[in-house]
Amino acid sequence: MIVLTGPRSTREQKDNLAELSGLLDLPLLQHHEDALLTATTLYRAAGWDTCPLARADVDVAECYGLLIKNA
């Protein structure tokens, strides 16, 4: 399974991330935390490093050994 994370500190960022999720047909990690058990790859949307929530997602994904790529 491939999941997506990105900046979501503001309403605009949340909306943009939701739109990207739909365009790429990738579930958002924050809505599918249990996906970490079966996920293989985490895609990071641009600006992920400016959002503490997305940085935490990446840190956790690294701990689970997921392949991490930029979207």
PDB file of N, CA and C in Angstrom:
ATOM      1  N   MET A   1       0.851  -1.175   0.000  1.00  0.00           N
ATOM      2  CA  MET A   1       0.000   0.000   0.000  1.00  0.00           C
ATOM      3  C   MET A   1       0.896   1.237   0.000  1.00  0.00           C
ATOM      4  N   ILE A   2       0.487   2.222  -0.720  1.00  0.00           N
ATOM      5  CA  ILE A   2       1.182   3.502  -0.787  1.00  0.00           C
ATOM      6  C   ILE A   2       0.294   4.554  -0.133  1.00  0.00           C
ATOM      7  N   VAL A   3       0.876   5.372   0.747  1.00  0.00           N
ATOM      8  CA  VAL A   3       0.120   6.418   1.435  1.00  0.00           C
ATOM      9  C   VAL A   3       0.787   7.767   1.195  1.00  0.00           C
ATOM     10  N   LEU A   4       0.056   8.824   1.505  1.00  0.00           N
ATOM     11  CA  LEU A   4       0.489  10.192   1.234  1.00  0.00           C
ATOM     12  C   LEU A   4       0.429  11.027   2.502  1.00  0.00           C
ATOM     13  N   THR A   5       1.414  11.903   2.659  1.00  0.00           N
ATOM     14  CA  THR A   5       1.365  12.910   3.709  1.00  0.00           C
ATOM     15  C   THR A   5       1.799  14.239   3.108  1.00  0.00           C
ATOM     16  N   GLY A   6       1.552  15.286   3.851  1.00  0.00           N
ATOM     17  CA  GLY A   6       1.943  16.617   3.399  1.00  0.00           C
ATOM     18  C   GLY A   6       1.497  17.657   4.395  1.00  0.00           C
ATOM     19  N   PRO A   7       1.764  18.911   4.074  1.00  0.00           N
ATOM     20  CA  PRO A   7       1.409  19.981   5.009  1.00  0.00           C
ATOM     21  C   PRO A   7      -0.098  20.087   5.178  1.00  0.00           C
ATOM     22  N   ARG A   8      -0.499  20.277   6.445  1.00  0.00           N
ATOM     23  CA  ARG A   8      -1.927  20.396   6.746  1.00  0.00           C
ATOM     24  C   ARG A   8      -2.170  21.253   7.974  1.00  0.00           C
ATOM     25  N   SER A   9      -1.348  22.272   8.134  1.00  0.00           N
ATOM     26  CA  SER A   9      -1.475  23.168   9.282  1.00  0.00           C
ATOM     27  C   SER A   9      -2.556  24.222   9.091  1.00  0.00           C
ATOM     28  N   THR A  10      -2.933  24.486   7.852  1.00  0.00           N
ATOM     29  CA  THR A  10      -3.974  25.476   7.566  1.00  0.00           C
ATOM     30  C   THR A  10      -5.100  24.811   6.764  1.00  0.00           C
ATOM     31  N   ARG A  11      -6.235  25.462   6.713  1.00  0.00           N
ATOM     32  CA  ARG A  11      -7.375  24.950   5.933  1.00  0.00           C
ATOM     33  C   ARG A  11      -6.974  24.800   4.464  1.00  0.00           C
ATOM     34  N   GLU A  12      -6.264  25.784   3.920  1.00  0.00           N
ATOM     35  CA  GLU A  12      -5.843  25.722   2.517  1.00  0.00           C
ATOM     36  C   GLU A  12      -4.918  24.526   2.275  1.00  0.00           C
ATOM     37  N   GLN A  13      -3.985  24.307   3.188  1.00  0.00           N
ATOM     38  CA  GLN A  13      -3.082  23.164   3.041  1.00  0.00           C
ATOM     39  C   GLN A  13      -3.854  21.850   3.112  1.00  0.00           C
ATOM     40  N   LYS A  14      -4.797  21.758   4.017  1.00  0.00           N
ATOM     41  CA  LYS A  14      -5.608  20.544   4.134  1.00  0.00           C
ATOM     42  C   LYS A  14      -6.379  20.285   2.849  1.00  0.00           C
ATOM     43  N   ASP A  15      -6.972  21.347   2.305  1.00  0.00           N
ATOM     44  CA  ASP A  15      -7.729  21.211   1.063  1.00  0.00           C
ATOM     45  C   ASP A  15      -6.831  20.797  -0.093  1.00  0.00           C
ATOM     46  N   ASN A  16      -5.657  21.417  -0.187  1.00  0.00           N
ATOM     47  CA  ASN A  16      -4.711  21.075  -1.258  1.00  0.00           C
ATOM     48  C   ASN A  16      -4.239  19.634  -1.143  1.00  0.00           C
ATOM     49  N   LEU A  17      -3.967  19.196   0.086  1.00  0.00           N
ATOM     50  CA  LEU A  17      -3.522  17.824   0.292  1.00  0.00           C
ATOM     51  C   LEU A  17      -4.631  16.831  -0.047  1.00  0.00           C
ATOM     52  N   ALA A  18      -5.845  17.157   0.325  1.00  0.00           N
ATOM     53  CA  ALA A  18      -6.980  16.289  -0.016  1.00  0.00           C
ATOM     54  C   ALA A  18      -7.160  16.204  -1.525  1.00  0.00           C
ATOM     55  N   GLU A  19      -6.990  17.323  -2.215  1.00  0.00           N
ATOM     56  CA  GLU A  19      -7.102  17.326  -3.674  1.00  0.00           C
ATOM     57  C   GLU A  19      -6.003  16.469  -4.301  1.00  0.00           C
ATOM     58  N   LEU A  20      -4.768  16.617  -3.815  1.00  0.00           N
ATOM     59  CA  LEU A  20      -3.662  15.820  -4.332  1.00  0.00           C
ATOM     60  C   LEU A  20      -3.902  14.335  -4.075  1.00  0.00           C
ATOM     61  N   SER A  21      -4.421  14.019  -2.904  1.00  0.00           N
ATOM     62  CA  SER A  21      -4.745  12.632  -2.574  1.00  0.00           C
ATOM     63  C   SER A  21      -5.718  12.050  -3.598  1.00  0.00           C
ATOM     64  N   GLY A  22      -6.731  12.823  -3.944  1.00  0.00           N
ATOM     65  CA  GLY A  22      -7.706  12.371  -4.932  1.00  0.00           C
ATOM     66  C   GLY A  22      -7.112  12.230  -6.322  1.00  0.00           C
ATOM     67  N   LEU A  23      -6.283  13.200  -6.716  1.00  0.00           N
ATOM     68  CA  LEU A  23      -5.665  13.150  -8.039  1.00  0.00           C
ATOM     69  C   LEU A  23      -4.728  11.958  -8.188  1.00  0.00           C
ATOM     70  N   LEU A  24      -3.974  11.661  -7.126  1.00  0.00           N
ATOM     71  CA  LEU A  24      -3.026  10.554  -7.167  1.00  0.00           C
ATOM     72  C   LEU A  24      -3.649   9.217  -6.765  1.00  0.00           C
ATOM     73  N   ASP A  25      -4.894   9.280  -6.280  1.00  0.00           N
ATOM     74  CA  ASP A  25      -5.593   8.095  -5.792  1.00  0.00           C
ATOM     75  C   ASP A  25      -4.785   7.390  -4.700  1.00  0.00           C
ATOM     76  N   LEU A  26      -4.259   8.203  -3.773  1.00  0.00           N
ATOM     77  CA  LEU A  26      -3.493   7.690  -2.638  1.00  0.00           C
ATOM     78  C   LEU A  26      -4.196   8.086  -1.346  1.00  0.00           C
ATOM     79  N   PRO A  27      -4.355   7.151  -0.426  1.00  0.00           N
ATOM     80  CA  PRO A  27      -4.972   7.499   0.853  1.00  0.00           C
ATOM     81  C   PRO A  27      -4.034   8.374   1.688  1.00  0.00           C
ATOM     82  N   LEU A  28      -4.620   9.260   2.466  1.00  0.00           N
ATOM     83  CA  LEU A  28      -3.838  10.107   3.364  1.00  0.00           C
ATOM     84  C   LEU A  28      -3.488   9.318   4.614  1.00  0.00           C
ATOM     85  N   LEU A  29      -2.235   9.375   5.003  1.00  0.00           N
ATOM     86  CA  LEU A  29      -1.780   8.622   6.161  1.00  0.00           C
ATOM     87  C   LEU A  29      -2.547   9.000   7.411  1.00  0.00           C
ATOM     88  N   GLN A  30      -2.854  10.294   7.598  1.00  0.00           N
ATOM     89  CA  GLN A  30      -3.528  10.703   8.832  1.00  0.00           C
ATOM     90  C   GLN A  30      -4.937  10.133   8.939  1.00  0.00           C
ATOM     91  N   HIS A  31      -5.514   9.658   7.844  1.00  0.00           N
ATOM     92  CA  HIS A  31      -6.837   9.035   7.895  1.00  0.00           C
ATOM     93  C   HIS A  31      -6.744   7.513   7.965  1.00  0.00           C
ATOM     94  N   HIS A  32      -5.540   6.987   7.826  1.00  0.00           N
ATOM     95  CA  HIS A  32      -5.350   5.538   7.780  1.00  0.00           C
ATOM     96  C   HIS A  32      -4.097   5.143   8.556  1.00  0.00           C
ATOM     97  N   GLU A  33      -4.038   5.523   9.835  1.00  0.00           N
ATOM     98  CA  GLU A  33      -2.853   5.234  10.644  1.00  0.00           C
ATOM     99  C   GLU A  33      -2.530   3.747  10.684  1.00  0.00           C
ATOM    100  N   ASP A  34      -3.566   2.903  10.641  1.00  0.00           N
ATOM    101  CA  ASP A  34      -3.336   1.466  10.652  1.00  0.00           C
ATOM    102  C   ASP A  34      -2.658   0.993   9.367  1.00  0.00           C
ATOM    103  N   ALA A  35      -2.630   1.853   8.347  1.00  0.00           N
ATOM    104  CA  ALA A  35      -1.979   1.509   7.083  1.00  0.00           C
ATOM    105  C   ALA A  35      -0.478   1.339   7.257  1.00  0.00           C
ATOM    106  N   LEU A  36       0.080   1.884   8.317  1.00  0.00           N
ATOM    107  CA  LEU A  36       1.520   1.724   8.545  1.00  0.00           C
ATOM    108  C   LEU A  36       1.904   0.256   8.662  1.00  0.00           C
ATOM    109  N   LEU A  37       0.983  -0.573   9.082  1.00  0.00           N
ATOM    110  CA  LEU A  37       1.277  -1.993   9.235  1.00  0.00           C
ATOM    111  C   LEU A  37       1.409  -2.699   7.893  1.00  0.00           C
ATOM    112  N   THR A  38       0.757  -2.170   6.862  1.00  0.00           N
ATOM    113  CA  THR A  38       0.794  -2.812   5.547  1.00  0.00           C
ATOM    114  C   THR A  38       1.405  -1.924   4.469  1.00  0.00           C
ATOM    115  N   ALA A  39       1.680  -0.679   4.792  1.00  0.00           N
ATOM    116  CA  ALA A  39       2.217   0.252   3.791  1.00  0.00           C
ATOM    117  C   ALA A  39       3.651  -0.121   3.428  1.00  0.00           C
ATOM    118  N   THR A  40       4.003   0.197   2.193  1.00  0.00           N
ATOM    119  CA  THR A  40       5.366  -0.028   1.721  1.00  0.00           C
ATOM    120  C   THR A  40       6.058   1.281   1.386  1.00  0.00           C
ATOM    121  N   THR A  41       5.262   2.290   1.021  1.00  0.00           N
ATOM    122  CA  THR A  41       5.814   3.555   0.557  1.00  0.00           C
ATOM    123  C   THR A  41       5.005   4.724   1.094  1.00  0.00           C
ATOM    124  N   LEU A  42       5.712   5.789   1.456  1.00  0.00           N
ATOM    125  CA  LEU A  42       5.084   7.049   1.855  1.00  0.00           C
ATOM    126  C   LEU A  42       5.520   8.123   0.880  1.00  0.00           C
ATOM    127  N   TYR A  43       4.559   8.769   0.244  1.00  0.00           N
ATOM    128  CA  TYR A  43       4.850   9.915  -0.609  1.00  0.00           C
ATOM    129  C   TYR A  43       4.660  11.186   0.211  1.00  0.00           C
ATOM    130  N   ARG A  44       5.594  12.134   0.034  1.00  0.00           N
ATOM    131  CA  ARG A  44       5.546  13.413   0.744  1.00  0.00           C
ATOM    132  C   ARG A  44       5.210  14.517  -0.258  1.00  0.00           C
ATOM    133  N   ALA A  45       4.157  15.249   0.014  1.00  0.00           N
ATOM    134  CA  ALA A  45       3.784  16.377  -0.833  1.00  0.00           C
ATOM    135  C   ALA A  45       4.712  17.555  -0.547  1.00  0.00           C
ATOM    136  N   ALA A  46       4.899  18.401  -1.534  1.00  0.00           N
ATOM    137  CA  ALA A  46       5.755  19.582  -1.383  1.00  0.00           C
ATOM    138  C   ALA A  46       5.346  20.379  -0.155  1.00  0.00           C
ATOM    139  N   GLY A  47       6.332  20.830   0.598  1.00  0.00           N
ATOM    140  CA  GLY A  47       6.078  21.607   1.795  1.00  0.00           C
ATOM    141  C   GLY A  47       5.922  20.770   3.046  1.00  0.00           C
ATOM    142  N   TRP A  48       6.060  19.463   2.924  1.00  0.00           N
ATOM    143  CA  TRP A  48       5.880  18.574   4.073  1.00  0.00           C
ATOM    144  C   TRP A  48       6.790  18.964   5.233  1.00  0.00           C
ATOM    145  N   ASP A  49       7.991  19.447   4.911  1.00  0.00           N
ATOM    146  CA  ASP A  49       8.979  19.745   5.951  1.00  0.00           C
ATOM    147  C   ASP A  49       8.662  21.018   6.727  1.00  0.00           C
ATOM    148  N   THR A  50       7.647  21.759   6.313  1.00  0.00           N
ATOM    149  CA  THR A  50       7.245  22.975   7.026  1.00  0.00           C
ATOM    150  C   THR A  50       6.116  22.701   8.022  1.00  0.00           C
ATOM    151  N   CYS A  51       5.620  21.473   8.023  1.00  0.00           N
ATOM    152  CA  CYS A  51       4.470  21.114   8.864  1.00  0.00           C
ATOM    153  C   CYS A  51       4.898  20.074   9.907  1.00  0.00           C
ATOM    154  N   PRO A  52       4.748  20.398  11.181  1.00  0.00           N
ATOM    155  CA  PRO A  52       5.138  19.450  12.225  1.00  0.00           C
ATOM    156  C   PRO A  52       4.396  18.106  12.127  1.00  0.00           C
ATOM    157  N   LEU A  53       3.138  18.130  11.727  1.00  0.00           N
ATOM    158  CA  LEU A  53       2.373  16.887  11.613  1.00  0.00           C
ATOM    159  C   LEU A  53       2.932  15.996  10.508  1.00  0.00           C
ATOM    160  N   ALA A  54       3.259  16.586   9.374  1.00  0.00           N
ATOM    161  CA  ALA A  54       3.826  15.814   8.271  1.00  0.00           C
ATOM    162  C   ALA A  54       5.228  15.313   8.614  1.00  0.00           C
ATOM    163  N   ARG A  55       6.011  16.144   9.303  1.00  0.00           N
ATOM    164  CA  ARG A  55       7.350  15.696   9.718  1.00  0.00           C
ATOM    165  C   ARG A  55       7.230  14.494  10.653  1.00  0.00           C
ATOM    166  N   ALA A  56       6.245  14.520  11.528  1.00  0.00           N
ATOM    167  CA  ALA A  56       6.022  13.380  12.429  1.00  0.00           C
ATOM    168  C   ALA A  56       5.627  12.138  11.628  1.00  0.00           C
ATOM    169  N   ASP A  57       4.776  12.312  10.614  1.00  0.00           N
ATOM    170  CA  ASP A  57       4.409  11.180   9.753  1.00  0.00           C
ATOM    171  C   ASP A  57       5.647  10.557   9.121  1.00  0.00           C
ATOM    172  N   VAL A  58       6.541  11.395   8.628  1.00  0.00           N
ATOM    173  CA  VAL A  58       7.762  10.908   7.976  1.00  0.00           C
ATOM    174  C   VAL A  58       8.652  10.188   8.996  1.00  0.00           C
ATOM    175  N   ASP A  59       8.779  10.749  10.178  1.00  0.00           N
ATOM    176  CA  ASP A  59       9.585  10.103  11.222  1.00  0.00           C
ATOM    177  C   ASP A  59       9.040   8.715  11.564  1.00  0.00           C
ATOM    178  N   VAL A  60       7.736   8.624  11.725  1.00  0.00           N
ATOM    179  CA  VAL A  60       7.118   7.338  12.056  1.00  0.00           C
ATOM    180  C   VAL A  60       7.291   6.360  10.890  1.00  0.00           C
ATOM    181  N   ALA A  61       7.100   6.837   9.680  1.00  0.00           N
ATOM    182  CA  ALA A  61       7.264   5.976   8.503  1.00  0.00           C
ATOM    183  C   ALA A  61       8.689   5.439   8.419  1.00  0.00           C
ATOM    184  N   GLU A  62       9.664   6.279   8.746  1.00  0.00           N
ATOM    185  CA  GLU A  62      11.053   5.822   8.761  1.00  0.00           C
ATOM    186  C   GLU A  62      11.229   4.705   9.793  1.00  0.00           C
ATOM    187  N   CYS A  63      10.611   4.857  10.953  1.00  0.00           N
ATOM    188  CA  CYS A  63      10.706   3.829  12.003  1.00  0.00           C
ATOM    189  C   CYS A  63      10.103   2.506  11.540  1.00  0.00           C
ATOM    190  N   TYR A  64       9.062   2.586  10.720  1.00  0.00           N
ATOM    191  CA  TYR A  64       8.412   1.384  10.192  1.00  0.00           C
ATOM    192  C   TYR A  64       9.135   0.845   8.958  1.00  0.00           C
ATOM    193  N   GLY A  65      10.161   1.541   8.496  1.00  0.00           N
ATOM    194  CA  GLY A  65      10.949   1.059   7.369  1.00  0.00           C
ATOM    195  C   GLY A  65      10.314   1.278   6.005  1.00  0.00           C
ATOM    196  N   LEU A  66       9.398   2.244   5.903  1.00  0.00           N
ATOM    197  CA  LEU A  66       8.770   2.510   4.611  1.00  0.00           C
ATOM    198  C   LEU A  66       9.734   3.219   3.665  1.00  0.00           C
ATOM    199  N   LEU A  67       9.594   2.962   2.400  1.00  0.00           N
ATOM    200  CA  LEU A  67      10.301   3.721   1.375  1.00  0.00           C
ATOM    201  C   LEU A  67       9.647   5.084   1.320  1.00  0.00           C
ATOM    202  N   ILE A  68      10.439   6.140   1.332  1.00  0.00           N
ATOM    203  CA  ILE A  68       9.895   7.498   1.363  1.00  0.00           C
ATOM    204  C   ILE A  68      10.305   8.229   0.095  1.00  0.00           C
ATOM    205  N   LYS A  69       9.308   8.777  -0.597  1.00  0.00           N
ATOM    206  CA  LYS A  69       9.532   9.472  -1.863  1.00  0.00           C
ATOM    207  C   LYS A  69       8.799  10.796  -1.862  1.00  0.00           C
ATOM    208  N   ASN A  70       9.259  11.713  -2.689  1.00  0.00           N
ATOM    209  CA  ASN A  70       8.568  12.986  -2.871  1.00  0.00           C
ATOM    210  C   ASN A  70       7.492  12.833  -3.937  1.00  0.00           C
ATOM    211  N   ALA A  71       6.336  13.404  -3.670  1.00  0.00           N
ATOM    212  CA  ALA A  71       5.219  13.329  -4.626  1.00  0.00           C
ATOM    213  C   ALA A  71       5.397  14.356  -5.718  1.00  0.00           C
TER     214      ALA A  71
END
